[in-house]
Amino acid sequence: MIGLIPVVGDLAGTAVSLTIIARTLRYGPPATLVSKMLANVVVDLVVGAIPFVGFFADIWFKSNDRNAALMREFLDARPGSTA
């Protein structure tokens, strides 16, 4: 429901996304991975803030799903991972 409020919904979603990224730091991802994750969040925030277009962009561009996939790849590639 908060996503229906212009700007507030986008900022709330960004805050959640940044919290998720902060929590992934304990697994020691490289700076390049963290940069890609932050870029996904910025794209989601900027495009999502565009009236009308942002609604559909939020449906199509799911930064948290993309970030989860990036983190999953990183964790699976680590030595000793059981994937």
N, C-alpha and C. Protein backbone atom coordinates (compact mmCIF):
# COMPACT_ATOMS: atom_id res chain seq x y z
N MET A 1 0.81 -1.20 0.00
CA MET A 1 0.00 0.00 0.00
C MET A 1 0.86 1.26 0.00
N ILE A 2 2.00 1.19 0.68
CA ILE A 2 2.83 2.39 0.75
C ILE A 2 3.40 2.75 -0.62
N GLY A 3 3.47 1.77 -1.50
CA GLY A 3 3.96 2.02 -2.85
C GLY A 3 3.04 2.92 -3.66
N LEU A 4 1.82 3.08 -3.22
CA LEU A 4 0.87 3.94 -3.93
C LEU A 4 1.10 5.42 -3.63
N ILE A 5 1.85 5.73 -2.59
CA ILE A 5 2.13 7.12 -2.24
C ILE A 5 3.39 7.55 -2.99
N PRO A 6 3.28 8.55 -3.87
CA PRO A 6 4.45 8.97 -4.64
C PRO A 6 5.62 9.34 -3.74
N VAL A 7 6.78 9.01 -4.14
CA VAL A 7 8.06 9.28 -3.49
C VAL A 7 8.22 8.49 -2.19
N VAL A 8 7.23 8.51 -1.31
CA VAL A 8 7.35 7.83 -0.02
C VAL A 8 7.54 6.33 -0.24
N GLY A 9 6.77 5.75 -1.12
CA GLY A 9 6.89 4.32 -1.41
C GLY A 9 8.25 3.98 -1.98
N ASP A 10 8.74 4.81 -2.88
CA ASP A 10 10.06 4.58 -3.48
C ASP A 10 11.16 4.68 -2.44
N LEU A 11 11.07 5.65 -1.56
CA LEU A 11 12.09 5.81 -0.52
C LEU A 11 12.04 4.67 0.49
N ALA A 12 10.84 4.22 0.82
CA ALA A 12 10.71 3.09 1.74
C ALA A 12 11.30 1.83 1.13
N GLY A 13 11.02 1.60 -0.13
CA GLY A 13 11.57 0.44 -0.82
C GLY A 13 13.09 0.51 -0.91
N THR A 14 13.61 1.69 -1.13
CA THR A 14 15.06 1.87 -1.19
C THR A 14 15.69 1.62 0.16
N ALA A 15 15.05 2.06 1.22
CA ALA A 15 15.57 1.83 2.57
C ALA A 15 15.65 0.33 2.87
N VAL A 16 14.62 -0.41 2.48
CA VAL A 16 14.63 -1.86 2.67
C VAL A 16 15.76 -2.49 1.85
N SER A 17 15.90 -2.06 0.62
CA SER A 17 16.94 -2.61 -0.25
C SER A 17 18.33 -2.34 0.31
N LEU A 18 18.56 -1.15 0.82
CA LEU A 18 19.86 -0.82 1.40
C LEU A 18 20.13 -1.61 2.67
N THR A 19 19.09 -1.89 3.43
CA THR A 19 19.24 -2.72 4.63
C THR A 19 19.64 -4.14 4.24
N ILE A 20 19.03 -4.66 3.20
CA ILE A 20 19.38 -6.00 2.73
C ILE A 20 20.84 -6.04 2.28
N ILE A 21 21.27 -5.03 1.53
CA ILE A 21 22.66 -4.98 1.08
C ILE A 21 23.60 -4.89 2.28
N ALA A 22 23.26 -4.08 3.25
CA ALA A 22 24.11 -3.95 4.44
C ALA A 22 24.26 -5.29 5.15
N ARG A 23 23.20 -6.07 5.18
CA ARG A 23 23.26 -7.37 5.85
C ARG A 23 24.08 -8.39 5.06
N THR A 24 24.19 -8.22 3.76
CA THR A 24 25.00 -9.15 2.97
C THR A 24 26.50 -8.91 3.15
N LEU A 25 26.86 -7.75 3.68
CA LEU A 25 28.28 -7.42 3.84
C LEU A 25 29.00 -8.39 4.78
N ARG A 26 28.28 -9.04 5.67
CA ARG A 26 28.92 -9.98 6.60
C ARG A 26 29.48 -11.20 5.88
N TYR A 27 29.05 -11.44 4.64
CA TYR A 27 29.54 -12.58 3.87
C TYR A 27 30.77 -12.23 3.04
N GLY A 28 31.21 -10.99 3.12
CA GLY A 28 32.44 -10.56 2.47
C GLY A 28 32.40 -10.46 0.95
N PRO A 29 31.33 -9.92 0.38
CA PRO A 29 31.30 -9.79 -1.08
C PRO A 29 32.33 -8.74 -1.54
N PRO A 30 32.88 -8.92 -2.73
CA PRO A 30 33.83 -7.93 -3.23
C PRO A 30 33.14 -6.59 -3.52
N ALA A 31 33.92 -5.55 -3.55
CA ALA A 31 33.38 -4.20 -3.78
C ALA A 31 32.65 -4.11 -5.12
N THR A 32 33.11 -4.85 -6.12
CA THR A 32 32.44 -4.80 -7.42
C THR A 32 31.02 -5.36 -7.33
N LEU A 33 30.84 -6.39 -6.53
CA LEU A 33 29.51 -6.96 -6.35
C LEU A 33 28.60 -5.99 -5.61
N VAL A 34 29.12 -5.40 -4.56
CA VAL A 34 28.33 -4.42 -3.80
C VAL A 34 27.97 -3.23 -4.69
N SER A 35 28.89 -2.82 -5.55
CA SER A 35 28.61 -1.72 -6.49
C SER A 35 27.48 -2.07 -7.44
N LYS A 36 27.48 -3.29 -7.96
CA LYS A 36 26.40 -3.72 -8.85
C LYS A 36 25.07 -3.74 -8.12
N MET A 37 25.09 -4.20 -6.87
CA MET A 37 23.86 -4.25 -6.09
C MET A 37 23.33 -2.84 -5.82
N LEU A 38 24.24 -1.93 -5.48
CA LEU A 38 23.82 -0.54 -5.24
C LEU A 38 23.30 0.10 -6.52
N ALA A 39 23.93 -0.21 -7.65
CA ALA A 39 23.47 0.32 -8.94
C ALA A 39 22.05 -0.16 -9.24
N ASN A 40 21.76 -1.42 -8.93
CA ASN A 40 20.40 -1.93 -9.13
C ASN A 40 19.39 -1.15 -8.30
N VAL A 41 19.76 -0.83 -7.07
CA VAL A 41 18.86 -0.08 -6.19
C VAL A 41 18.65 1.35 -6.72
N VAL A 42 19.72 1.97 -7.18
CA VAL A 42 19.62 3.34 -7.71
C VAL A 42 18.74 3.35 -8.96
N VAL A 43 18.93 2.39 -9.85
CA VAL A 43 18.08 2.33 -11.05
C VAL A 43 16.62 2.16 -10.65
N ASP A 44 16.37 1.27 -9.69
CA ASP A 44 15.00 1.05 -9.23
C ASP A 44 14.41 2.33 -8.64
N LEU A 45 15.20 3.06 -7.87
CA LEU A 45 14.72 4.31 -7.26
C LEU A 45 14.43 5.37 -8.32
N VAL A 46 15.36 5.57 -9.23
CA VAL A 46 15.22 6.64 -10.22
C VAL A 46 14.08 6.35 -11.19
N VAL A 47 14.05 5.14 -11.74
CA VAL A 47 13.01 4.81 -12.71
C VAL A 47 11.65 4.68 -12.00
N GLY A 48 11.66 4.16 -10.79
CA GLY A 48 10.42 4.00 -10.04
C GLY A 48 9.79 5.32 -9.65
N ALA A 49 10.58 6.38 -9.60
CA ALA A 49 10.07 7.69 -9.21
C ALA A 49 9.36 8.42 -10.35
N ILE A 50 9.47 7.91 -11.56
CA ILE A 50 8.81 8.54 -12.70
C ILE A 50 7.33 8.20 -12.65
N PRO A 51 6.48 9.22 -12.63
CA PRO A 51 5.04 8.94 -12.55
C PRO A 51 4.57 8.03 -13.69
N PHE A 52 3.67 7.15 -13.38
CA PHE A 52 3.06 6.17 -14.27
C PHE A 52 4.07 5.14 -14.79
N VAL A 53 5.14 5.60 -15.43
CA VAL A 53 6.17 4.69 -15.94
C VAL A 53 6.79 3.92 -14.78
N GLY A 54 6.99 4.59 -13.67
CA GLY A 54 7.61 3.97 -12.51
C GLY A 54 6.84 2.78 -11.98
N PHE A 55 5.52 2.84 -12.05
CA PHE A 55 4.70 1.73 -11.59
C PHE A 55 5.03 0.46 -12.37
N PHE A 56 5.08 0.59 -13.69
CA PHE A 56 5.37 -0.56 -14.54
C PHE A 56 6.84 -0.97 -14.44
N ALA A 57 7.71 0.00 -14.25
CA ALA A 57 9.13 -0.30 -14.09
C ALA A 57 9.35 -1.11 -12.82
N ASP A 58 8.62 -0.80 -11.77
CA ASP A 58 8.74 -1.55 -10.52
C ASP A 58 8.31 -3.00 -10.69
N ILE A 59 7.35 -3.22 -11.55
CA ILE A 59 6.90 -4.59 -11.82
C ILE A 59 7.97 -5.34 -12.61
N TRP A 60 8.59 -4.66 -13.56
CA TRP A 60 9.56 -5.29 -14.45
C TRP A 60 10.96 -5.39 -13.82
N PHE A 61 11.44 -4.31 -13.22
CA PHE A 61 12.81 -4.26 -12.71
C PHE A 61 12.78 -4.47 -11.20
N LYS A 62 13.05 -5.66 -10.78
CA LYS A 62 13.02 -6.00 -9.36
C LYS A 62 14.46 -6.05 -8.85
N SER A 63 14.90 -4.94 -8.26
CA SER A 63 16.30 -4.85 -7.83
C SER A 63 16.64 -5.87 -6.76
N ASN A 64 15.73 -6.15 -5.84
CA ASN A 64 16.03 -7.11 -4.79
C ASN A 64 16.17 -8.53 -5.34
N ASP A 65 15.37 -8.88 -6.33
CA ASP A 65 15.52 -10.19 -6.97
C ASP A 65 16.86 -10.28 -7.69
N ARG A 66 17.24 -9.21 -8.38
CA ARG A 66 18.52 -9.19 -9.08
C ARG A 66 19.68 -9.27 -8.09
N ASN A 67 19.56 -8.54 -6.99
CA ASN A 67 20.61 -8.56 -5.98
C ASN A 67 20.72 -9.92 -5.30
N ALA A 68 19.60 -10.56 -5.07
CA ALA A 68 19.62 -11.90 -4.47
C ALA A 68 20.31 -12.88 -5.41
N ALA A 69 20.05 -12.76 -6.71
CA ALA A 69 20.71 -13.65 -7.68
C ALA A 69 22.21 -13.39 -7.70
N LEU A 70 22.61 -12.13 -7.66
CA LEU A 70 24.05 -11.81 -7.63
C LEU A 70 24.71 -12.39 -6.39
N MET A 71 24.07 -12.25 -5.26
CA MET A 71 24.63 -12.76 -4.01
C MET A 71 24.67 -14.28 -4.02
N ARG A 72 23.64 -14.91 -4.56
CA ARG A 72 23.59 -16.36 -4.65
C ARG A 72 24.76 -16.88 -5.50
N GLU A 73 25.01 -16.23 -6.64
CA GLU A 73 26.14 -16.61 -7.49
C GLU A 73 27.46 -16.48 -6.74
N PHE A 74 27.61 -15.39 -6.02
CA PHE A 74 28.84 -15.17 -5.24
C PHE A 74 29.02 -16.27 -4.19
N LEU A 75 27.98 -16.57 -3.45
CA LEU A 75 28.07 -17.57 -2.40
C LEU A 75 28.31 -18.97 -2.96
N ASP A 76 27.69 -19.27 -4.09
CA ASP A 76 27.89 -20.58 -4.72
C ASP A 76 29.30 -20.76 -5.27
N ALA A 77 29.93 -19.66 -5.66
CA ALA A 77 31.28 -19.73 -6.25
C ALA A 77 32.37 -19.80 -5.20
N ARG A 78 32.04 -19.53 -3.94
CA ARG A 78 33.06 -19.57 -2.89
C ARG A 78 33.54 -20.99 -2.66
N PRO A 79 34.83 -21.12 -2.37
CA PRO A 79 35.35 -22.46 -2.06
C PRO A 79 34.64 -23.04 -0.83
N GLY A 80 34.31 -24.29 -0.92
CA GLY A 80 33.66 -24.94 0.21
C GLY A 80 32.15 -24.79 0.23
N SER A 81 31.60 -24.12 -0.79
CA SER A 81 30.14 -23.98 -0.79
C SER A 81 29.52 -25.29 -1.23
N THR A 82 28.36 -25.56 -0.73
CA THR A 82 27.65 -26.79 -1.08
C THR A 82 26.44 -26.44 -1.91
N ALA A 83 26.66 -26.28 -3.20
CA ALA A 83 25.57 -25.91 -4.08
C ALA A 83 25.16 -27.05 -4.97
